[in-house]
Amino acid sequence: MEKHNHSVGGYLDFGQISLPYISGNIQYDVAILTEITLFKGHKLKEYESDLTLPTKMHEASPAVSQTNYQLIYQLGNYPKFELNLK
């Protein structure tokens, strides 16, 4: 994970995400699921904290088969995940 300076406070680069091949006419939404390891193996899993609630990625929904995105976490007053088309 790389940290980059940005005019709004920077961002963390989580790398590239590639969506798998999706067959058929079913539409899927893209969501970020978070699990946080705190200390000595204690973990916060999905829905156990506001920080681990699934986040729908509107800019990538509905999912397009075999699309590549760059996942970043925008820092600042209103931090958020962003998916940018690669």
C-alpha atoms as a PDB file:
ATOM      1  CA  MET A   1       0.000   0.000   0.000  1.00  0.00           C
ATOM      2  CA  GLU A   2       1.478   3.350  -1.034  1.00  0.00           C
ATOM      3  CA  LYS A   3       0.611   6.761   0.393  1.00  0.00           C
ATOM      4  CA  HIS A   4       0.422   9.658  -2.073  1.00  0.00           C
ATOM      5  CA  ASN A   5       0.071  13.356  -1.370  1.00  0.00           C
ATOM      6  CA  HIS A   6      -2.987  14.933  -2.866  1.00  0.00           C
ATOM      7  CA  SER A   7      -4.416  18.436  -2.519  1.00  0.00           C
ATOM      8  CA  VAL A   8      -7.135  17.086  -0.200  1.00  0.00           C
ATOM      9  CA  GLY A   9      -4.763  15.316   2.190  1.00  0.00           C
ATOM     10  CA  GLY A  10      -3.477  12.396   0.148  1.00  0.00           C
ATOM     11  CA  TYR A  11      -4.622   8.902  -0.575  1.00  0.00           C
ATOM     12  CA  LEU A  12      -3.589   5.306   0.006  1.00  0.00           C
ATOM     13  CA  ASP A  13      -3.105   3.162  -3.093  1.00  0.00           C
ATOM     14  CA  PHE A  14      -4.447  -0.371  -2.556  1.00  0.00           C
ATOM     15  CA  GLY A  15      -3.529  -1.529  -6.073  1.00  0.00           C
ATOM     16  CA  GLN A  16      -5.435  -2.922  -8.996  1.00  0.00           C
ATOM     17  CA  ILE A  17      -8.650  -4.937  -8.852  1.00  0.00           C
ATOM     18  CA  SER A  18      -9.705  -7.055 -11.830  1.00  0.00           C
ATOM     19  CA  LEU A  19     -13.317  -8.171 -12.068  1.00  0.00           C
ATOM     20  CA  PRO A  20     -13.784 -11.785 -13.186  1.00  0.00           C
ATOM     21  CA  TYR A  21     -15.568 -12.967 -16.292  1.00  0.00           C
ATOM     22  CA  ILE A  22     -19.324 -12.588 -15.776  1.00  0.00           C
ATOM     23  CA  SER A  23     -21.575 -14.659 -18.010  1.00  0.00           C
ATOM     24  CA  GLY A  24     -25.266 -14.307 -18.641  1.00  0.00           C
ATOM     25  CA  ASN A  25     -27.660 -11.405 -18.182  1.00  0.00           C
ATOM     26  CA  ILE A  26     -27.431 -11.160 -14.382  1.00  0.00           C
ATOM     27  CA  GLN A  27     -26.257  -7.760 -13.118  1.00  0.00           C
ATOM     28  CA  TYR A  28     -24.014  -7.605 -10.041  1.00  0.00           C
ATOM     29  CA  ASP A  29     -23.076  -4.671  -7.838  1.00  0.00           C
ATOM     30  CA  VAL A  30     -19.466  -4.098  -6.783  1.00  0.00           C
ATOM     31  CA  ALA A  31     -18.894  -3.689  -3.035  1.00  0.00           C
ATOM     32  CA  ILE A  32     -15.876  -3.307  -0.751  1.00  0.00           C
ATOM     33  CA  LEU A  33     -15.893  -5.658   2.253  1.00  0.00           C
ATOM     34  CA  THR A  34     -13.564  -4.758   5.127  1.00  0.00           C
ATOM     35  CA  GLU A  35     -12.080  -6.819   7.950  1.00  0.00           C
ATOM     36  CA  ILE A  36      -9.810  -5.072  10.486  1.00  0.00           C
ATOM     37  CA  THR A  37      -7.201  -6.892  12.581  1.00  0.00           C
ATOM     38  CA  LEU A  38      -6.635  -4.932  15.795  1.00  0.00           C
ATOM     39  CA  PHE A  39      -4.215  -6.739  18.094  1.00  0.00           C
ATOM     40  CA  LYS A  40      -3.335 -10.321  19.050  1.00  0.00           C
ATOM     41  CA  GLY A  41      -5.633 -11.691  16.387  1.00  0.00           C
ATOM     42  CA  HIS A  42      -8.741  -9.761  17.476  1.00  0.00           C
ATOM     43  CA  LYS A  43     -10.682  -8.900  14.325  1.00  0.00           C
ATOM     44  CA  LEU A  44     -13.642  -6.741  13.424  1.00  0.00           C
ATOM     45  CA  LYS A  45     -15.550  -8.528  10.680  1.00  0.00           C
ATOM     46  CA  GLU A  46     -18.289  -7.282   8.374  1.00  0.00           C
ATOM     47  CA  TYR A  47     -21.098  -5.430  10.196  1.00  0.00           C
ATOM     48  CA  GLU A  48     -19.267  -5.420  13.571  1.00  0.00           C
ATOM     49  CA  SER A  49     -18.389  -1.719  13.318  1.00  0.00           C
ATOM     50  CA  ASP A  50     -19.228   1.318  11.210  1.00  0.00           C
ATOM     51  CA  LEU A  51     -15.748   0.848   9.717  1.00  0.00           C
ATOM     52  CA  THR A  52     -16.584  -2.665   8.502  1.00  0.00           C
ATOM     53  CA  LEU A  53     -19.948  -2.034   6.862  1.00  0.00           C
ATOM     54  CA  PRO A  54     -19.916  -3.082   3.184  1.00  0.00           C
ATOM     55  CA  THR A  55     -19.563  -0.115   0.824  1.00  0.00           C
ATOM     56  CA  LYS A  56     -21.268  -0.255  -2.573  1.00  0.00           C
ATOM     57  CA  MET A  57     -19.006   1.141  -5.277  1.00  0.00           C
ATOM     58  CA  HIS A  58     -21.529   3.061  -7.382  1.00  0.00           C
ATOM     59  CA  GLU A  59     -18.945   4.046 -10.004  1.00  0.00           C
ATOM     60  CA  ALA A  60     -18.380   0.339 -10.804  1.00  0.00           C
ATOM     61  CA  SER A  61     -21.977  -0.916 -10.555  1.00  0.00           C
ATOM     62  CA  PRO A  62     -23.392  -2.789 -12.302  1.00  0.00           C
ATOM     63  CA  ALA A  63     -20.212  -4.831 -12.705  1.00  0.00           C
ATOM     64  CA  VAL A  64     -18.733  -5.088 -16.196  1.00  0.00           C
ATOM     65  CA  SER A  65     -17.028  -8.395 -16.958  1.00  0.00           C
ATOM     66  CA  GLN A  66     -13.201  -8.370 -16.911  1.00  0.00           C
ATOM     67  CA  THR A  67     -12.842  -4.648 -16.097  1.00  0.00           C
ATOM     68  CA  ASN A  68      -9.748  -3.358 -14.270  1.00  0.00           C
ATOM     69  CA  TYR A  69      -9.908  -0.708 -11.554  1.00  0.00           C
ATOM     70  CA  GLN A  70      -7.420   1.089  -9.325  1.00  0.00           C
ATOM     71  CA  LEU A  71      -8.599   1.056  -5.674  1.00  0.00           C
ATOM     72  CA  ILE A  72      -7.589   4.045  -3.558  1.00  0.00           C
ATOM     73  CA  TYR A  73      -8.605   5.329  -0.142  1.00  0.00           C
ATOM     74  CA  GLN A  74      -9.011   9.106  -0.294  1.00  0.00           C
ATOM     75  CA  LEU A  75      -7.761  10.749   2.920  1.00  0.00           C
ATOM     76  CA  GLY A  76      -9.009  14.049   4.329  1.00  0.00           C
ATOM     77  CA  ASN A  77     -12.059  15.410   6.135  1.00  0.00           C
ATOM     78  CA  TYR A  78     -14.376  12.930   4.389  1.00  0.00           C
ATOM     79  CA  PRO A  79     -12.278   9.790   3.734  1.00  0.00           C
ATOM     80  CA  LYS A  80     -13.667   7.224   1.306  1.00  0.00           C
ATOM     81  CA  PHE A  81     -12.767   4.390  -1.066  1.00  0.00           C
ATOM     82  CA  GLU A  82     -12.686   5.155  -4.784  1.00  0.00           C
ATOM     83  CA  LEU A  83     -12.463   2.856  -7.785  1.00  0.00           C
ATOM     84  CA  ASN A  84     -10.919   4.410 -10.876  1.00  0.00           C
ATOM     85  CA  LEU A  85     -11.102   2.741 -14.277  1.00  0.00           C
ATOM     86  CA  LYS A  86      -7.650   1.511 -15.223  1.00  0.00           C
END
